[in-house]
Amino acid sequence: MAGRIDNRELHLDTIHRFSNGVIESEGHLRWDLQRIRQEMASGLSLVPDAESIGIDTWGVDYGLLDASGEIIDQPISYRDSRTTDFIQAVHSLISPEELYAINGLQFLPFNTIFQLASEQESSIWHRADRLALLPDLLSYWLTGELRTEMTNASTTGLLNVRTHEWSQTILDLLHIPESLLPSIEPPGTIRGKTAAGVFVTSVASHDTASAVVAIPATTSHFAYVIVGTWSLVGIELASPVLTESARVANFTNELGVDNRVRFLRNVGGLWLLQECLREWPACNYDELLAKASELPVGGPTIEVRDPDFIAPGRMAARVKEAAGQSDMTPDEITRCIIDSLALAFADTIRQAVGLSGASVEVVHMVGGGSQNVLLCQQTANAVGIPVIAGPVEATALGNVLIQARSHGAAPSSLEDLREIVASSTELRRFEPQ
């Protein structure tokens, strides 16, 4: 994506888009990172006059480098099941309560901390010299500089959420050498330059953190739903909530730009529908949504936050099983997923408010799912307050804005950046019905 700012007007153009999915290799689900690197180079070649490059990806996943700086193996995806047998091993070394008091991170079976417990039993662990989270690895290949951007570091489970540094306590208990982890830097730092002399700027490299930057909020009393493959639902706070109630509710305290805290939960996303569509090659997405919208309210729902939905395969059958229905048409399954997501969004927002003491006047829905009219309306109905939908490309916009601010082309405050988004994008408002 190429972004530019003219007189506080933000413009974004798609330059190069390519598919990205896991591949099965050597018994694991992996990312084809060499292909991603090649596609990134292809895209950058189409913007020869770029002033700065910023990279964000999903969280938790990483590559291991050997002592010569070469990647040892293709990174394993968080959707792989390798961590299953190591979760209890980690909790035997440090209890969930102790972990949460330090890292403030919700329990997810694929958090980096569990991946590394599994990694220590692998044949390549003895060769690992440095760990690079994926956006940092891509930046390393462009600049030769290896560091860890803070917002993505906060997804690993290894960061102290109060000090914003690697937790020595956790590292020692899990026998992870501190030398494995590059130093941490905040978003907005100049990482280095490419061989062509283009700046590479550390943005909020966890895609959710970049998306939160681009929420077009005009009030501080807002909740957000970032809807894509996953849905991230929460509020923005000045400090973490580390209570036992927050831990039991499985809320996370991930870091954002300007030391804001993203108090949120991972909620099942459009992954469920995407997987079903893979099984229904004859179905048209827009037609499915139209038919689903015509179905009466009160149909079956499922618990979209169930970790059983993380893995790929047989999604339509799994949805039917969870809904307790032996026979459902594709439009009925679609409506079930949409309604279930909306209910989960509303429940999560109410929990976030109750646990934090914050107040919420409006819900901002951003990301690809903000184009789904049925999902937006059902969310407004479920939560009982207005939903403002858009922008779709929130992550890319947040990425560009932090780069622009770092190079003096955008205002300094997060609120001013959000005003630029609000005035530069088309938004839709959904009132509860």
Protein backbone atom coordinates (compact mmCIF):
# COMPACT_ATOMS: atom_id res chain seq x y z
CA MET A 1 0.00 0.00 0.00
CA ALA A 2 1.31 3.46 -0.89
CA GLY A 3 0.17 6.33 1.30
CA ARG A 4 0.71 10.05 1.11
CA ILE A 5 -0.46 13.09 3.03
CA ASP A 6 -1.35 16.43 1.43
CA ASN A 7 -2.60 19.22 3.69
CA ARG A 8 -3.88 16.75 6.31
CA GLU A 9 -5.60 14.70 3.61
CA LEU A 10 -4.60 11.06 3.66
CA HIS A 11 -4.53 9.05 0.43
CA LEU A 12 -3.95 5.33 0.13
CA ASP A 13 -3.43 3.26 -3.02
CA THR A 14 -3.11 -0.49 -3.43
CA ILE A 15 0.14 -1.19 -5.24
CA HIS A 16 0.61 -4.92 -5.00
CA ARG A 17 -1.66 -7.54 -3.42
CA PHE A 18 -0.97 -11.24 -3.13
CA SER A 19 -2.43 -14.24 -1.35
CA ASN A 20 -0.79 -15.48 1.82
CA GLY A 21 -1.60 -18.75 3.56
CA VAL A 22 0.08 -21.46 5.52
CA ILE A 23 1.82 -24.37 3.81
CA GLU A 24 2.35 -27.86 5.21
CA SER A 25 6.02 -28.72 5.46
CA GLU A 26 7.95 -31.18 7.63
CA GLY A 27 4.88 -31.98 9.69
CA HIS A 28 3.95 -28.38 10.54
CA LEU A 29 1.91 -25.48 9.22
CA ARG A 30 4.44 -22.87 8.13
CA TRP A 31 4.62 -19.44 6.54
CA ASP A 32 6.26 -19.27 3.12
CA LEU A 33 8.42 -16.38 4.24
CA GLN A 34 10.74 -16.47 1.25
CA ARG A 35 7.73 -15.91 -0.99
CA ILE A 36 6.52 -13.08 1.24
CA ARG A 37 9.98 -11.53 0.96
CA GLN A 38 9.91 -11.83 -2.82
CA GLU A 39 6.42 -10.33 -3.06
CA MET A 40 7.46 -7.48 -0.77
CA ALA A 41 10.39 -6.73 -3.06
CA SER A 42 8.07 -6.82 -6.09
CA GLY A 43 5.71 -4.34 -4.46
CA LEU A 44 8.49 -1.98 -3.38
CA SER A 45 9.88 -1.96 -6.90
CA LEU A 46 6.62 -0.32 -8.01
CA VAL A 47 7.15 2.64 -5.67
CA PRO A 48 10.68 3.81 -6.51
CA ASP A 49 10.09 7.29 -5.07
CA ALA A 50 9.04 6.11 -1.60
CA GLU A 51 10.41 8.22 1.24
CA SER A 52 9.81 5.66 3.97
CA ILE A 53 8.78 2.02 4.38
CA GLY A 54 6.83 0.65 7.36
CA ILE A 55 6.06 -3.02 7.94
CA ASP A 56 3.34 -4.59 10.07
CA THR A 57 2.19 -8.20 10.31
CA TRP A 58 0.16 -10.39 12.64
CA GLY A 59 1.62 -10.98 16.09
CA VAL A 60 3.31 -13.82 18.03
CA ASP A 61 5.08 -15.59 15.12
CA TYR A 62 8.83 -15.36 14.57
CA GLY A 63 11.86 -16.66 12.73
CA LEU A 64 15.04 -17.99 14.31
CA LEU A 65 18.41 -16.81 12.97
CA ASP A 66 21.72 -18.58 13.34
CA ALA A 67 24.98 -16.93 14.36
CA SER A 68 25.61 -15.77 10.78
CA GLY A 69 22.23 -14.02 10.62
CA GLU A 70 20.60 -16.56 8.30
CA ILE A 71 17.10 -17.86 8.94
CA ILE A 72 17.23 -21.46 10.12
CA ASP A 73 13.84 -22.69 8.94
CA GLN A 74 10.52 -21.46 7.63
CA PRO A 75 8.57 -20.00 10.59
CA ILE A 76 5.82 -22.19 12.04
CA SER A 77 2.35 -20.62 12.03
CA TYR A 78 0.37 -19.90 15.16
CA ARG A 79 -2.35 -22.14 13.66
CA ASP A 80 -0.08 -25.15 14.09
CA SER A 81 -0.92 -27.40 17.04
CA ARG A 82 2.66 -27.86 18.28
CA THR A 83 2.09 -25.91 21.52
CA THR A 84 -0.68 -28.16 22.85
CA ASP A 85 1.61 -30.39 24.89
CA PHE A 86 3.71 -27.53 26.26
CA ILE A 87 1.14 -25.22 27.83
CA GLN A 88 1.02 -27.13 31.08
CA ALA A 89 4.83 -27.32 31.13
CA VAL A 90 5.03 -23.52 31.03
CA HIS A 91 2.37 -23.15 33.72
CA SER A 92 4.28 -25.59 35.94
CA LEU A 93 7.24 -23.19 35.84
CA ILE A 94 5.22 -20.01 36.27
CA SER A 95 1.53 -19.99 37.15
CA PRO A 96 -1.07 -18.26 34.96
CA GLU A 97 -1.62 -15.78 37.80
CA GLU A 98 2.08 -14.91 38.02
CA LEU A 99 2.35 -14.63 34.25
CA TYR A 100 -0.59 -12.25 34.00
CA ALA A 101 0.77 -10.05 36.78
CA ILE A 102 3.91 -9.54 34.68
CA ASN A 103 2.81 -9.59 31.05
CA GLY A 104 -0.91 -8.80 31.29
CA LEU A 105 -1.48 -11.05 28.29
CA GLN A 106 -4.57 -13.11 27.65
CA PHE A 107 -4.10 -16.85 27.41
CA LEU A 108 -3.98 -18.03 23.83
CA PRO A 109 -2.51 -21.45 23.07
CA PHE A 110 -0.29 -20.01 20.32
CA ASN A 111 1.34 -17.17 22.26
CA THR A 112 5.06 -16.93 21.57
CA ILE A 113 5.88 -18.06 25.09
CA PHE A 114 4.30 -21.46 24.38
CA GLN A 115 5.82 -21.67 20.92
CA LEU A 116 9.28 -21.23 22.43
CA ALA A 117 8.63 -23.96 25.00
CA SER A 118 7.92 -26.25 22.06
CA GLU A 119 10.91 -24.88 20.12
CA GLN A 120 13.30 -25.85 22.90
CA GLU A 121 12.53 -29.49 22.17
CA SER A 122 13.22 -29.09 18.45
CA SER A 123 16.33 -30.08 16.55
CA ILE A 124 17.13 -26.48 15.58
CA TRP A 125 17.03 -24.82 19.02
CA HIS A 126 20.76 -25.30 19.62
CA ARG A 127 21.45 -23.33 16.42
CA ALA A 128 19.27 -20.35 17.35
CA ASP A 129 21.24 -17.17 17.99
CA ARG A 130 18.54 -14.50 17.58
CA LEU A 131 14.76 -14.40 17.46
CA ALA A 132 13.04 -11.99 15.07
CA LEU A 133 9.32 -11.33 15.11
CA LEU A 134 8.08 -11.39 11.53
CA PRO A 135 7.90 -7.62 10.79
CA ASP A 136 11.31 -7.17 12.40
CA LEU A 137 12.66 -10.00 10.27
CA LEU A 138 11.39 -8.35 7.09
CA SER A 139 12.89 -5.03 8.23
CA TYR A 140 16.17 -6.81 8.97
CA TRP A 141 16.31 -8.11 5.43
CA LEU A 142 15.86 -4.55 4.15
CA THR A 143 18.28 -2.77 6.49
CA GLY A 144 20.59 -5.26 8.18
CA GLU A 145 19.41 -3.86 11.53
CA LEU A 146 17.69 -6.22 13.97
CA ARG A 147 15.58 -4.88 16.82
CA THR A 148 12.12 -5.60 18.24
CA GLU A 149 9.26 -3.14 17.90
CA MET A 150 7.39 -2.66 21.16
CA THR A 151 3.73 -3.24 20.22
CA ASN A 152 4.54 -6.61 18.68
CA ALA A 153 6.84 -7.50 21.57
CA SER A 154 3.80 -7.14 23.82
CA THR A 155 2.09 -10.05 22.03
CA THR A 156 4.82 -12.53 22.93
CA GLY A 157 4.12 -13.04 26.64
CA LEU A 158 7.78 -12.25 27.38
CA LEU A 159 7.37 -8.50 27.95
CA ASN A 160 6.79 -6.77 31.27
CA VAL A 161 3.69 -4.70 30.53
CA ARG A 162 4.63 -2.10 33.17
CA THR A 163 8.29 -1.52 32.28
CA HIS A 164 7.99 -2.23 28.53
CA GLU A 165 11.15 -4.35 28.72
CA TRP A 166 11.76 -8.07 28.39
CA SER A 167 10.89 -9.76 31.67
CA GLN A 168 14.02 -11.27 33.16
CA THR A 169 11.85 -13.28 35.55
CA ILE A 170 9.99 -15.00 32.72
CA LEU A 171 13.12 -15.54 30.65
CA ASP A 172 14.96 -17.13 33.57
CA LEU A 173 12.08 -19.42 34.54
CA LEU A 174 11.63 -20.61 30.94
CA HIS A 175 15.39 -20.93 30.30
CA ILE A 176 15.31 -18.47 27.40
CA PRO A 177 18.63 -16.64 27.01
CA GLU A 178 18.22 -12.88 27.06
CA SER A 179 20.70 -12.65 24.18
CA LEU A 180 18.12 -14.36 21.94
CA LEU A 181 15.86 -11.29 22.03
CA PRO A 182 16.85 -8.07 20.23
CA SER A 183 16.46 -4.78 22.07
CA ILE A 184 13.06 -3.10 22.10
CA GLU A 185 12.26 0.17 20.37
CA PRO A 186 9.02 2.20 20.26
CA PRO A 187 6.97 2.70 17.10
CA GLY A 188 8.09 5.73 15.13
CA THR A 189 11.80 4.94 15.39
CA ILE A 190 13.94 5.05 12.26
CA ARG A 191 15.17 1.47 11.93
CA GLY A 192 17.63 2.10 9.09
CA LYS A 193 17.84 2.46 5.31
CA THR A 194 17.52 0.10 2.40
CA ALA A 195 20.36 -0.41 -0.08
CA ALA A 196 18.60 2.21 -2.23
CA GLY A 197 18.68 4.73 0.64
CA VAL A 198 14.99 4.60 1.60
CA PHE A 199 14.18 4.97 5.30
CA VAL A 200 12.64 1.96 7.06
CA THR A 201 10.56 3.24 9.95
CA SER A 202 9.34 1.12 12.83
CA VAL A 203 5.58 1.55 12.88
CA ALA A 204 3.15 -0.16 15.24
CA SER A 205 4.26 -3.44 13.69
CA HIS A 206 1.50 -5.53 15.25
CA ASP A 207 -1.28 -5.02 12.72
CA THR A 208 -3.90 -4.51 15.44
CA ALA A 209 -1.86 -1.70 16.98
CA SER A 210 -1.62 0.04 13.59
CA ALA A 211 -5.35 -0.38 13.07
CA VAL A 212 -6.09 1.22 16.45
CA VAL A 213 -4.06 4.27 15.39
CA ALA A 214 -6.46 4.75 12.46
CA ILE A 215 -9.71 4.52 14.41
CA PRO A 216 -11.58 7.71 13.38
CA ALA A 217 -12.63 8.52 16.93
CA THR A 218 -13.86 11.98 17.80
CA THR A 219 -14.44 11.07 21.46
CA SER A 220 -12.29 9.30 24.02
CA HIS A 221 -15.26 7.12 25.04
CA PHE A 222 -15.14 4.51 22.31
CA ALA A 223 -14.77 0.79 21.85
CA TYR A 224 -13.32 -0.80 18.74
CA VAL A 225 -13.85 -3.96 16.78
CA ILE A 226 -11.12 -4.73 14.28
CA VAL A 227 -12.60 -7.36 12.02
CA GLY A 228 -10.61 -9.51 9.66
CA THR A 229 -9.49 -13.11 9.87
CA TRP A 230 -9.53 -12.50 13.61
CA SER A 231 -11.60 -9.95 15.47
CA LEU A 232 -9.99 -7.83 18.16
CA VAL A 233 -12.50 -6.21 20.48
CA GLY A 234 -11.67 -3.74 23.21
CA ILE A 235 -10.98 -0.24 24.44
CA GLU A 236 -7.98 2.06 24.74
CA LEU A 237 -6.60 2.82 28.20
CA ALA A 238 -3.76 4.80 29.74
CA SER A 239 -2.60 1.92 31.96
CA PRO A 240 -3.04 -1.86 32.11
CA VAL A 241 -5.77 -3.67 34.02
CA LEU A 242 -4.03 -6.54 35.81
CA THR A 243 -6.79 -7.69 38.14
CA GLU A 244 -7.66 -11.32 38.71
CA SER A 245 -11.07 -10.61 37.17
CA ALA A 246 -9.42 -9.38 33.97
CA ARG A 247 -7.23 -12.49 33.85
CA VAL A 248 -10.15 -14.86 34.37
CA ALA A 249 -12.10 -13.01 31.65
CA ASN A 250 -9.03 -13.55 29.41
CA PHE A 251 -8.48 -9.89 28.51
CA THR A 252 -5.11 -8.78 27.23
CA ASN A 253 -3.11 -5.61 27.86
CA GLU A 254 -1.15 -5.17 24.67
CA LEU A 255 0.80 -1.99 24.04
CA GLY A 256 -0.11 0.63 21.49
CA VAL A 257 1.34 3.83 20.09
CA ASP A 258 2.32 6.53 22.62
CA ASN A 259 2.24 3.96 25.43
CA ARG A 260 -1.51 3.48 25.20
CA VAL A 261 -2.83 0.11 26.33
CA ARG A 262 -5.02 -2.01 24.07
CA PHE A 263 -7.30 -3.69 26.60
CA LEU A 264 -8.98 -6.29 24.42
CA ARG A 265 -9.87 -9.87 23.70
CA ASN A 266 -9.25 -11.95 20.62
CA VAL A 267 -12.65 -13.02 19.36
CA GLY A 268 -13.30 -15.41 16.50
CA GLY A 269 -13.39 -13.57 13.20
CA LEU A 270 -14.32 -13.94 9.59
CA TRP A 271 -11.89 -16.85 9.43
CA LEU A 272 -14.89 -19.08 10.12
CA LEU A 273 -16.73 -17.76 7.06
CA GLN A 274 -13.57 -17.68 4.93
CA GLU A 275 -12.97 -21.35 5.68
CA CYS A 276 -16.58 -22.21 4.82
CA LEU A 277 -16.29 -20.35 1.52
CA ARG A 278 -13.28 -22.48 0.63
CA GLU A 279 -15.63 -25.45 0.88
CA TRP A 280 -18.34 -23.73 -1.18
CA PRO A 281 -16.60 -22.75 -4.45
CA ALA A 282 -19.97 -22.28 -6.18
CA CYS A 283 -21.21 -19.74 -3.61
CA ASN A 284 -20.94 -15.99 -4.17
CA TYR A 285 -20.04 -14.07 -1.01
CA ASP A 286 -22.32 -11.09 -1.64
CA GLU A 287 -25.24 -13.32 -2.56
CA LEU A 288 -24.71 -15.39 0.58
CA LEU A 289 -24.83 -12.28 2.75
CA ALA A 290 -27.95 -11.04 1.00
CA LYS A 291 -29.75 -14.34 1.58
CA ALA A 292 -28.50 -14.49 5.17
CA SER A 293 -29.88 -10.99 5.79
CA GLU A 294 -33.36 -12.16 4.81
CA LEU A 295 -33.43 -14.93 7.41
CA PRO A 296 -35.47 -14.29 10.58
CA VAL A 297 -33.79 -13.29 13.84
CA GLY A 298 -33.37 -15.85 16.58
CA GLY A 299 -31.55 -18.53 14.62
CA PRO A 300 -28.89 -20.82 16.11
CA THR A 301 -25.62 -19.33 17.37
CA ILE A 302 -22.23 -20.69 18.36
CA GLU A 303 -19.39 -19.66 20.66
CA VAL A 304 -16.99 -18.15 18.13
CA ARG A 305 -14.31 -17.71 20.81
CA ASP A 306 -13.94 -21.48 21.16
CA PRO A 307 -10.31 -22.44 20.37
CA ASP A 308 -11.63 -25.47 18.49
CA PHE A 309 -12.27 -23.10 15.55
CA ILE A 310 -8.62 -22.03 15.24
CA ALA A 311 -7.45 -24.85 12.98
CA PRO A 312 -8.43 -25.03 9.29
CA GLY A 313 -10.60 -27.70 7.70
CA ARG A 314 -14.21 -28.95 7.87
CA MET A 315 -15.41 -25.57 9.10
CA ALA A 316 -18.99 -25.83 7.84
CA ALA A 317 -19.43 -29.20 9.55
CA ARG A 318 -17.87 -27.90 12.75
CA VAL A 319 -20.21 -24.90 12.79
CA LYS A 320 -23.22 -27.19 12.36
CA GLU A 321 -22.01 -29.44 15.15
CA ALA A 322 -21.46 -26.48 17.49
CA ALA A 323 -24.90 -25.08 16.62
CA GLY A 324 -26.51 -28.42 17.30
CA GLN A 325 -27.95 -28.56 13.79
CA SER A 326 -27.64 -31.56 11.51
CA ASP A 327 -28.80 -29.76 8.39
CA MET A 328 -27.97 -26.11 7.58
CA THR A 329 -27.77 -24.39 4.21
CA PRO A 330 -24.79 -22.14 3.39
CA ASP A 331 -26.88 -19.00 3.97
CA GLU A 332 -28.04 -20.36 7.35
CA ILE A 333 -24.46 -21.14 8.34
CA THR A 334 -23.44 -17.65 7.20
CA ARG A 335 -26.19 -16.03 9.30
CA CYS A 336 -25.22 -18.20 12.27
CA ILE A 337 -21.60 -17.02 12.04
CA ILE A 338 -22.56 -13.34 11.64
CA ASP A 339 -25.05 -13.38 14.52
CA SER A 340 -22.60 -15.24 16.73
CA LEU A 341 -19.82 -12.74 16.00
CA ALA A 342 -22.10 -9.80 16.81
CA LEU A 343 -23.14 -11.33 20.13
CA ALA A 344 -19.51 -12.05 21.01
CA PHE A 345 -18.52 -8.47 20.14
CA ALA A 346 -21.25 -7.03 22.35
CA ASP A 347 -20.45 -9.34 25.25
CA THR A 348 -16.73 -8.51 25.03
CA ILE A 349 -17.37 -4.76 24.98
CA ARG A 350 -19.60 -5.00 28.05
CA GLN A 351 -16.92 -7.01 29.84
CA ALA A 352 -14.20 -4.50 28.91
CA VAL A 353 -16.30 -1.66 30.32
CA GLY A 354 -17.06 -3.56 33.51
CA LEU A 355 -13.46 -4.61 34.13
CA SER A 356 -11.89 -1.22 33.38
CA GLY A 357 -14.52 1.25 34.63
CA ALA A 358 -14.38 3.03 31.27
CA SER A 359 -17.47 4.35 29.51
CA VAL A 360 -18.31 3.75 25.86
CA GLU A 361 -20.54 5.92 23.67
CA VAL A 362 -19.84 4.45 20.26
CA VAL A 363 -18.28 1.37 18.68
CA HIS A 364 -15.85 1.81 15.79
CA MET A 365 -15.67 -1.17 13.46
CA VAL A 366 -12.65 -1.12 11.16
CA GLY A 367 -10.93 -3.56 8.84
CA GLY A 368 -12.31 -5.75 6.08
CA GLY A 369 -15.32 -6.80 8.14
CA SER A 370 -16.52 -3.19 8.34
CA GLN A 371 -17.83 -3.66 4.78
CA ASN A 372 -20.20 -6.36 6.02
CA VAL A 373 -23.46 -4.43 6.48
CA LEU A 374 -25.20 -7.32 8.20
CA LEU A 375 -22.39 -7.71 10.71
CA CYS A 376 -22.31 -3.97 11.46
CA GLN A 377 -26.07 -3.78 11.98
CA GLN A 378 -26.23 -6.92 14.09
CA THR A 379 -23.40 -5.59 16.26
CA ALA A 380 -25.23 -2.29 16.81
CA ASN A 381 -28.37 -4.25 17.71
CA ALA A 382 -26.48 -6.50 20.12
CA VAL A 383 -24.47 -3.82 21.92
CA GLY A 384 -27.25 -1.20 21.94
CA ILE A 385 -25.16 1.81 20.86
CA PRO A 386 -24.19 3.19 17.43
CA VAL A 387 -21.59 1.45 15.30
CA ILE A 388 -19.44 3.54 12.95
CA ALA A 389 -17.98 1.42 10.16
CA GLY A 390 -14.73 2.21 8.41
CA PRO A 391 -12.05 2.59 7.31
CA VAL A 392 -11.49 -0.78 5.67
CA GLU A 393 -7.71 -0.42 5.39
CA ALA A 394 -7.23 0.79 8.96
CA THR A 395 -4.00 -1.11 9.49
CA ALA A 396 -2.34 0.40 6.41
CA LEU A 397 -3.58 3.89 7.33
CA GLY A 398 -2.20 3.60 10.85
CA ASN A 399 1.08 2.34 9.45
CA VAL A 400 1.36 5.32 7.09
CA LEU A 401 0.39 7.87 9.74
CA ILE A 402 3.11 6.77 12.16
CA GLN A 403 5.68 6.93 9.37
CA ALA A 404 4.46 10.38 8.36
CA ARG A 405 4.57 11.63 11.94
CA SER A 406 8.11 10.33 12.38
CA HIS A 407 9.22 12.28 9.31
CA GLY A 408 7.41 15.51 10.21
CA ALA A 409 4.55 15.12 7.71
CA ALA A 410 1.74 14.56 10.23
CA PRO A 411 0.76 16.03 13.60
CA SER A 412 2.18 14.68 16.85
CA SER A 413 -0.88 13.67 18.87
CA LEU A 414 -2.78 10.45 18.34
CA GLU A 415 -6.05 12.38 18.49
CA ASP A 416 -4.93 14.64 15.63
CA LEU A 417 -3.95 11.62 13.58
CA ARG A 418 -7.41 10.16 14.09
CA GLU A 419 -9.01 13.41 12.97
CA ILE A 420 -7.11 13.06 9.70
CA VAL A 421 -8.57 9.57 9.25
CA ALA A 422 -12.09 10.77 10.07
CA SER A 423 -11.90 13.58 7.52
CA SER A 424 -10.20 11.48 4.83
CA THR A 425 -12.39 8.38 4.75
CA GLU A 426 -16.02 7.57 4.10
CA LEU A 427 -17.75 6.24 7.20
CA ARG A 428 -21.15 4.59 7.73
CA ARG A 429 -23.23 4.84 10.90
CA PHE A 430 -25.49 2.04 12.13
CA GLU A 431 -28.07 2.78 14.83
CA PRO A 432 -29.43 -0.02 17.04
CA GLN A 433 -32.76 -1.37 15.80
